[in-house]
PDB file of all heavy atoms in Angstrom:
ATOM      1  N   MET A   1       0.848  -1.194   0.000  1.00  0.00           N
ATOM      2  CA  MET A   1       0.000   0.000   0.000  1.00  0.00           C
ATOM      3  C   MET A   1       0.883   1.243   0.000  1.00  0.00           C
ATOM      4  O   MET A   1       1.863   1.309   0.746  1.00  0.00           O
ATOM      5  CB  MET A   1      -0.884  -0.001   1.247  1.00  0.00           C
ATOM      6  CG  MET A   1      -1.832   1.196   1.323  1.00  0.00           C
ATOM      7  SD  MET A   1      -2.800   1.228   2.852  1.00  0.00           S
ATOM      8  CE  MET A   1      -1.567   1.867   3.995  1.00  0.00           C
ATOM      9  N   GLU A   2       0.541   2.198  -0.846  1.00  0.00           N
ATOM     10  CA  GLU A   2       1.308   3.445  -0.862  1.00  0.00           C
ATOM     11  C   GLU A   2       0.933   4.283   0.352  1.00  0.00           C
ATOM     12  O   GLU A   2      -0.228   4.624   0.557  1.00  0.00           O
ATOM     13  CB  GLU A   2       1.048   4.224  -2.151  1.00  0.00           C
ATOM     14  CG  GLU A   2       1.964   5.422  -2.289  1.00  0.00           C
ATOM     15  CD  GLU A   2       1.997   5.996  -3.685  1.00  0.00           C
ATOM     16  OE1 GLU A   2       1.453   5.354  -4.599  1.00  0.00           O
ATOM     17  OE2 GLU A   2       2.576   7.089  -3.855  1.00  0.00           O
ATOM     18  N   MET A   3       1.935   4.617   1.155  1.00  0.00           N
ATOM     19  CA  MET A   3       1.715   5.334   2.406  1.00  0.00           C
ATOM     20  C   MET A   3       1.824   6.847   2.242  1.00  0.00           C
ATOM     21  O   MET A   3       1.139   7.608   2.913  1.00  0.00           O
ATOM     22  CB  MET A   3       2.745   4.884   3.445  1.00  0.00           C
ATOM     23  CG  MET A   3       2.701   3.409   3.770  1.00  0.00           C
ATOM     24  SD  MET A   3       1.381   3.031   4.910  1.00  0.00           S
ATOM     25  CE  MET A   3       2.132   3.588   6.440  1.00  0.00           C
ATOM     26  N   ASP A   4       2.717   7.269   1.362  1.00  0.00           N
ATOM     27  CA  ASP A   4       2.961   8.707   1.227  1.00  0.00           C
ATOM     28  C   ASP A   4       3.714   8.952  -0.064  1.00  0.00           C
ATOM     29  O   ASP A   4       4.300   8.037  -0.666  1.00  0.00           O
ATOM     30  CB  ASP A   4       3.763   9.221   2.429  1.00  0.00           C
ATOM     31  CG  ASP A   4       3.687  10.738   2.586  1.00  0.00           C
ATOM     32  OD1 ASP A   4       3.012  11.388   1.778  1.00  0.00           O
ATOM     33  OD2 ASP A   4       4.310  11.264   3.531  1.00  0.00           O
ATOM     34  N   GLN A   5       3.716  10.218  -0.480  1.00  0.00           N
ATOM     35  CA  GLN A   5       4.415  10.635  -1.692  1.00  0.00           C
ATOM     36  C   GLN A   5       4.629  12.135  -1.594  1.00  0.00           C
ATOM     37  O   GLN A   5       3.699  12.877  -1.297  1.00  0.00           O
ATOM     38  CB  GLN A   5       3.555  10.285  -2.913  1.00  0.00           C
ATOM     39  CG  GLN A   5       4.187  10.665  -4.228  1.00  0.00           C
ATOM     40  CD  GLN A   5       3.256  10.379  -5.400  1.00  0.00           C
ATOM     41  OE1 GLN A   5       3.204  11.171  -6.320  1.00  0.00           O
ATOM     42  NE2 GLN A   5       2.532   9.265  -5.360  1.00  0.00           N
ATOM     43  N   TRP A   6       5.856  12.572  -1.796  1.00  0.00           N
ATOM     44  CA  TRP A   6       6.131  14.006  -1.710  1.00  0.00           C
ATOM     45  C   TRP A   6       7.370  14.342  -2.532  1.00  0.00           C
ATOM     46  O   TRP A   6       8.167  13.466  -2.880  1.00  0.00           O
ATOM     47  CB  TRP A   6       6.310  14.434  -0.252  1.00  0.00           C
ATOM     48  CG  TRP A   6       7.561  13.971   0.438  1.00  0.00           C
ATOM     49  CD1 TRP A   6       8.733  14.662   0.588  1.00  0.00           C
ATOM     50  CD2 TRP A   6       7.777  12.694   1.077  1.00  0.00           C
ATOM     51  NE1 TRP A   6       9.651  13.913   1.280  1.00  0.00           N
ATOM     52  CE2 TRP A   6       9.090  12.710   1.603  1.00  0.00           C
ATOM     53  CE3 TRP A   6       6.993  11.548   1.270  1.00  0.00           C
ATOM     54  CZ2 TRP A   6       9.640  11.616   2.278  1.00  0.00           C
ATOM     55  CZ3 TRP A   6       7.531  10.463   1.945  1.00  0.00           C
ATOM     56  CH2 TRP A   6       8.840  10.509   2.445  1.00  0.00           C
ATOM     57  N   THR A   7       7.523  15.617  -2.858  1.00  0.00           N
ATOM     58  CA  THR A   7       8.660  16.052  -3.652  1.00  0.00           C
ATOM     59  C   THR A   7       9.728  16.667  -2.761  1.00  0.00           C
ATOM     60  O   THR A   7       9.428  17.259  -1.719  1.00  0.00           O
ATOM     61  CB  THR A   7       8.240  17.077  -4.715  1.00  0.00           C
ATOM     62  OG1 THR A   7       7.617  18.192  -4.077  1.00  0.00           O
ATOM     63  CG2 THR A   7       7.276  16.457  -5.713  1.00  0.00           C
ATOM     64  N   VAL A   8      10.982  16.526  -3.187  1.00  0.00           N
ATOM     65  CA  VAL A   8      12.119  17.097  -2.468  1.00  0.00           C
ATOM     66  C   VAL A   8      13.087  17.688  -3.488  1.00  0.00           C
ATOM     67  O   VAL A   8      13.132  17.267  -4.646  1.00  0.00           O
ATOM     68  CB  VAL A   8      12.853  16.041  -1.610  1.00  0.00           C
ATOM     69  CG1 VAL A   8      11.970  15.539  -0.487  1.00  0.00           C
ATOM     70  CG2 VAL A   8      13.337  14.872  -2.471  1.00  0.00           C
ATOM     71  N   ASP A   9      13.845  18.671  -3.065  1.00  0.00           N
ATOM     72  CA  ASP A   9      14.909  19.242  -3.891  1.00  0.00           C
ATOM     73  C   ASP A   9      16.235  18.685  -3.384  1.00  0.00           C
ATOM     74  O   ASP A   9      16.696  19.048  -2.300  1.00  0.00           O
ATOM     75  CB  ASP A   9      14.901  20.765  -3.806  1.00  0.00           C
ATOM     76  CG  ASP A   9      13.667  21.376  -4.457  1.00  0.00           C
ATOM     77  OD1 ASP A   9      13.374  21.000  -5.613  1.00  0.00           O
ATOM     78  OD2 ASP A   9      12.996  22.210  -3.811  1.00  0.00           O
ATOM     79  N   LEU A  10      16.816  17.782  -4.173  1.00  0.00           N
ATOM     80  CA  LEU A  10      18.087  17.182  -3.782  1.00  0.00           C
ATOM     81  C   LEU A  10      19.244  18.100  -4.157  1.00  0.00           C
ATOM     82  O   LEU A  10      19.232  18.745  -5.211  1.00  0.00           O
ATOM     83  CB  LEU A  10      18.261  15.819  -4.468  1.00  0.00           C
ATOM     84  CG  LEU A  10      17.212  14.744  -4.127  1.00  0.00           C
ATOM     85  CD1 LEU A  10      17.497  13.470  -4.919  1.00  0.00           C
ATOM     86  CD2 LEU A  10      17.207  14.448  -2.631  1.00  0.00           C
ATOM     87  N   LYS A  11      20.234  18.139  -3.284  1.00  0.00           N
ATOM     88  CA  LYS A  11      21.448  18.926  -3.519  1.00  0.00           C
ATOM     89  C   LYS A  11      22.625  17.974  -3.656  1.00  0.00           C
ATOM     90  O   LYS A  11      22.567  16.825  -3.196  1.00  0.00           O
ATOM     91  CB  LYS A  11      21.676  19.901  -2.358  1.00  0.00           C
ATOM     92  CG  LYS A  11      20.568  20.950  -2.218  1.00  0.00           C
ATOM     93  CD  LYS A  11      20.799  21.848  -1.022  1.00  0.00           C
ATOM     94  CE  LYS A  11      19.774  22.986  -0.984  1.00  0.00           C
ATOM     95  NZ  LYS A  11      18.392  22.508  -1.005  1.00  0.00           N
ATOM     96  N   PRO A  12      23.715  18.401  -4.267  1.00  0.00           N
ATOM     97  CA  PRO A  12      24.880  17.520  -4.396  1.00  0.00           C
ATOM     98  C   PRO A  12      25.370  17.057  -3.023  1.00  0.00           C
ATOM     99  O   PRO A  12      25.433  17.838  -2.071  1.00  0.00           O
ATOM    100  CB  PRO A  12      25.921  18.407  -5.086  1.00  0.00           C
ATOM    101  CG  PRO A  12      25.116  19.439  -5.809  1.00  0.00           C
ATOM    102  CD  PRO A  12      23.934  19.696  -4.938  1.00  0.00           C
ATOM    103  N   GLY A  13      25.670  15.762  -2.922  1.00  0.00           N
ATOM    104  CA  GLY A  13      26.152  15.211  -1.663  1.00  0.00           C
ATOM    105  C   GLY A  13      25.047  14.518  -0.886  1.00  0.00           C
ATOM    106  O   GLY A  13      24.071  14.026  -1.451  1.00  0.00           O
ATOM    107  N   THR A  14      25.192  14.519   0.421  1.00  0.00           N
ATOM    108  CA  THR A  14      24.258  13.813   1.299  1.00  0.00           C
ATOM    109  C   THR A  14      23.046  14.675   1.633  1.00  0.00           C
ATOM    110  O   THR A  14      23.182  15.844   2.001  1.00  0.00           O
ATOM    111  CB  THR A  14      24.963  13.394   2.603  1.00  0.00           C
ATOM    112  OG1 THR A  14      26.061  12.530   2.285  1.00  0.00           O
ATOM    113  CG2 THR A  14      24.001  12.657   3.522  1.00  0.00           C
ATOM    114  N   ASN A  15      21.868  14.086   1.487  1.00  0.00           N
ATOM    115  CA  ASN A  15      20.617  14.767   1.804  1.00  0.00           C
ATOM    116  C   ASN A  15      19.901  13.989   2.905  1.00  0.00           C
ATOM    117  O   ASN A  15      19.614  12.797   2.751  1.00  0.00           O
ATOM    118  CB  ASN A  15      19.702  14.831   0.577  1.00  0.00           C
ATOM    119  CG  ASN A  15      20.273  15.664  -0.551  1.00  0.00           C
ATOM    120  OD1 ASN A  15      19.946  16.830  -0.715  1.00  0.00           O
ATOM    121  ND2 ASN A  15      21.146  15.050  -1.365  1.00  0.00           N
ATOM    122  N   LYS A  16      19.628  14.659   4.003  1.00  0.00           N
ATOM    123  CA  LYS A  16      18.890  14.045   5.110  1.00  0.00           C
ATOM    124  C   LYS A  16      17.419  14.460   4.986  1.00  0.00           C
ATOM    125  O   LYS A  16      17.087  15.638   5.105  1.00  0.00           O
ATOM    126  CB  LYS A  16      19.443  14.508   6.456  1.00  0.00           C
ATOM    127  CG  LYS A  16      20.905  14.130   6.701  1.00  0.00           C
ATOM    128  CD  LYS A  16      21.045  12.644   7.006  1.00  0.00           C
ATOM    129  CE  LYS A  16      22.477  12.294   7.411  1.00  0.00           C
ATOM    130  NZ  LYS A  16      22.627  10.857   7.735  1.00  0.00           N
ATOM    131  N   ILE A  17      16.562  13.488   4.765  1.00  0.00           N
ATOM    132  CA  ILE A  17      15.135  13.758   4.562  1.00  0.00           C
ATOM    133  C   ILE A  17      14.346  13.176   5.731  1.00  0.00           C
ATOM    134  O   ILE A  17      14.525  12.011   6.083  1.00  0.00           O
ATOM    135  CB  ILE A  17      14.640  13.130   3.244  1.00  0.00           C
ATOM    136  CG1 ILE A  17      15.439  13.667   2.062  1.00  0.00           C
ATOM    137  CG2 ILE A  17      13.146  13.386   3.051  1.00  0.00           C
ATOM    138  CD1 ILE A  17      15.156  12.937   0.759  1.00  0.00           C
ATOM    139  N   GLU A  18      13.509  13.994   6.328  1.00  0.00           N
ATOM    140  CA  GLU A  18      12.618  13.521   7.382  1.00  0.00           C
ATOM    141  C   GLU A  18      11.181  13.840   7.000  1.00  0.00           C
ATOM    142  O   GLU A  18      10.890  14.912   6.480  1.00  0.00           O
ATOM    143  CB  GLU A  18      12.967  14.158   8.732  1.00  0.00           C
ATOM    144  CG  GLU A  18      14.277  13.662   9.310  1.00  0.00           C
ATOM    145  CD  GLU A  18      14.460  14.066  10.770  1.00  0.00           C
ATOM    146  OE1 GLU A  18      13.641  14.897  11.256  1.00  0.00           O
ATOM    147  OE2 GLU A  18      15.372  13.557  11.422  1.00  0.00           O
ATOM    148  N   ARG A  19      10.316  12.913   7.272  1.00  0.00           N
ATOM    149  CA  ARG A  19       8.903  13.081   6.925  1.00  0.00           C
ATOM    150  C   ARG A  19       8.061  12.423   8.013  1.00  0.00           C
ATOM    151  O   ARG A  19       8.228  11.240   8.311  1.00  0.00           O
ATOM    152  CB  ARG A  19       8.629  12.419   5.575  1.00  0.00           C
ATOM    153  CG  ARG A  19       7.184  12.462   5.119  1.00  0.00           C
ATOM    154  CD  ARG A  19       6.800  13.786   4.523  1.00  0.00           C
ATOM    155  NE  ARG A  19       5.552  13.690   3.760  1.00  0.00           N
ATOM    156  CZ  ARG A  19       5.004  14.686   3.085  1.00  0.00           C
ATOM    157  NH1 ARG A  19       5.588  15.878   3.075  1.00  0.00           N
ATOM    158  NH2 ARG A  19       3.888  14.514   2.421  1.00  0.00           N
ATOM    159  N   ASN A  20       7.158  13.196   8.613  1.00  0.00           N
ATOM    160  CA  ASN A  20       6.287  12.676   9.662  1.00  0.00           C
ATOM    161  C   ASN A  20       5.069  11.985   9.062  1.00  0.00           C
ATOM    162  O   ASN A  20       4.585  12.379   7.992  1.00  0.00           O
ATOM    163  CB  ASN A  20       5.829  13.811  10.580  1.00  0.00           C
ATOM    164  CG  ASN A  20       6.984  14.410  11.351  1.00  0.00           C
ATOM    165  OD1 ASN A  20       7.760  13.688  11.962  1.00  0.00           O
ATOM    166  ND2 ASN A  20       7.112  15.725  11.317  1.00  0.00           N
ATOM    167  N   SER A  21       4.569  10.984   9.746  1.00  0.00           N
ATOM    168  CA  SER A  21       3.417  10.231   9.247  1.00  0.00           C
ATOM    169  C   SER A  21       2.201  11.129   9.068  1.00  0.00           C
ATOM    170  O   SER A  21       1.434  10.963   8.115  1.00  0.00           O
ATOM    171  CB  SER A  21       3.089   9.081  10.201  1.00  0.00           C
ATOM    172  OG  SER A  21       2.818   9.559  11.509  1.00  0.00           O
ATOM    173  N   TYR A  22       2.012  12.103   9.959  1.00  0.00           N
ATOM    174  CA  TYR A  22       0.832  12.956   9.858  1.00  0.00           C
ATOM    175  C   TYR A  22       0.942  13.976   8.732  1.00  0.00           C
ATOM    176  O   TYR A  22      -0.013  14.704   8.455  1.00  0.00           O
ATOM    177  CB  TYR A  22       0.549  13.658  11.189  1.00  0.00           C
ATOM    178  CG  TYR A  22       1.681  14.479  11.750  1.00  0.00           C
ATOM    179  CD1 TYR A  22       1.953  15.755  11.262  1.00  0.00           C
ATOM    180  CD2 TYR A  22       2.472  13.988  12.782  1.00  0.00           C
ATOM    181  CE1 TYR A  22       2.982  16.515  11.775  1.00  0.00           C
ATOM    182  CE2 TYR A  22       3.516  14.741  13.306  1.00  0.00           C
ATOM    183  CZ  TYR A  22       3.769  16.001  12.803  1.00  0.00           C
ATOM    184  OH  TYR A  22       4.800  16.749  13.310  1.00  0.00           O
ATOM    185  N   GLU A  23       2.110  14.033   8.055  1.00  0.00           N
ATOM    186  CA  GLU A  23       2.265  14.916   6.893  1.00  0.00           C
ATOM    187  C   GLU A  23       1.841  14.241   5.593  1.00  0.00           C
ATOM    188  O   GLU A  23       1.835  14.886   4.541  1.00  0.00           O
ATOM    189  CB  GLU A  23       3.722  15.355   6.759  1.00  0.00           C
ATOM    190  CG  GLU A  23       4.219  16.260   7.860  1.00  0.00           C
ATOM    191  CD  GLU A  23       5.671  16.647   7.665  1.00  0.00           C
ATOM    192  OE1 GLU A  23       6.553  15.788   7.882  1.00  0.00           O
ATOM    193  OE2 GLU A  23       5.918  17.800   7.281  1.00  0.00           O
ATOM    194  N   SER A  24       1.511  12.963   5.639  1.00  0.00           N
ATOM    195  CA  SER A  24       1.166  12.228   4.422  1.00  0.00           C
ATOM    196  C   SER A  24       0.100  12.955   3.619  1.00  0.00           C
ATOM    197  O   SER A  24      -0.897  13.436   4.172  1.00  0.00           O
ATOM    198  CB  SER A  24       0.677  10.819   4.770  1.00  0.00           C
ATOM    199  OG  SER A  24       0.171  10.170   3.610  1.00  0.00           O
ATOM    200  N   ILE A  25       0.295  13.012   2.326  1.00  0.00           N
ATOM    201  CA  ILE A  25      -0.657  13.696   1.453  1.00  0.00           C
ATOM    202  C   ILE A  25      -1.967  12.941   1.319  1.00  0.00           C
ATOM    203  O   ILE A  25      -2.940  13.478   0.789  1.00  0.00           O
ATOM    204  CB  ILE A  25      -0.068  13.909   0.047  1.00  0.00           C
ATOM    205  CG1 ILE A  25       0.360  12.573  -0.546  1.00  0.00           C
ATOM    206  CG2 ILE A  25       1.074  14.898   0.079  1.00  0.00           C
ATOM    207  CD1 ILE A  25       0.768  12.654  -1.989  1.00  0.00           C
ATOM    208  N   TYR A  26      -2.010  11.716   1.809  1.00  0.00           N
ATOM    209  CA  TYR A  26      -3.211  10.904   1.654  1.00  0.00           C
ATOM    210  C   TYR A  26      -4.130  10.935   2.867  1.00  0.00           C
ATOM    211  O   TYR A  26      -5.232  10.405   2.811  1.00  0.00           O
ATOM    212  CB  TYR A  26      -2.830   9.448   1.374  1.00  0.00           C
ATOM    213  CG  TYR A  26      -1.902   9.268   0.209  1.00  0.00           C
ATOM    214  CD1 TYR A  26      -0.870   8.339   0.247  1.00  0.00           C
ATOM    215  CD2 TYR A  26      -2.055  10.035  -0.939  1.00  0.00           C
ATOM    216  CE1 TYR A  26      -0.018   8.173  -0.830  1.00  0.00           C
ATOM    217  CE2 TYR A  26      -1.206   9.882  -2.016  1.00  0.00           C
ATOM    218  CZ  TYR A  26      -0.190   8.942  -1.964  1.00  0.00           C
ATOM    219  OH  TYR A  26       0.650   8.788  -3.023  1.00  0.00           O
ATOM    220  N   VAL A  27      -3.697  11.489   3.970  1.00  0.00           N
ATOM    221  CA  VAL A  27      -4.463  11.350   5.205  1.00  0.00           C
ATOM    222  C   VAL A  27      -4.933  12.696   5.738  1.00  0.00           C
ATOM    223  O   VAL A  27      -4.385  13.747   5.406  1.00  0.00           O
ATOM    224  CB  VAL A  27      -3.636  10.634   6.298  1.00  0.00           C
ATOM    225  CG1 VAL A  27      -3.164   9.276   5.818  1.00  0.00           C
ATOM    226  CG2 VAL A  27      -2.455  11.488   6.754  1.00  0.00           C
ATOM    227  N   VAL A  28      -5.953  12.605   6.554  1.00  0.00           N
ATOM    228  CA  VAL A  28      -6.467  13.782   7.271  1.00  0.00           C
ATOM    229  C   VAL A  28      -6.717  13.375   8.719  1.00  0.00           C
ATOM    230  O   VAL A  28      -6.899  12.200   9.020  1.00  0.00           O
ATOM    231  CB  VAL A  28      -7.777  14.308   6.641  1.00  0.00           C
ATOM    232  CG1 VAL A  28      -7.526  14.879   5.263  1.00  0.00           C
ATOM    233  CG2 VAL A  28      -8.844  13.225   6.613  1.00  0.00           C
TER     234      VAL A  28
END
């Protein structure tokens, strides 16, 4: 099941991405 989907702007090198469950575009 798809839980979430979002866009990010990646920069050269290491990218640390954090995303909270309540931010999911599918839920309210």
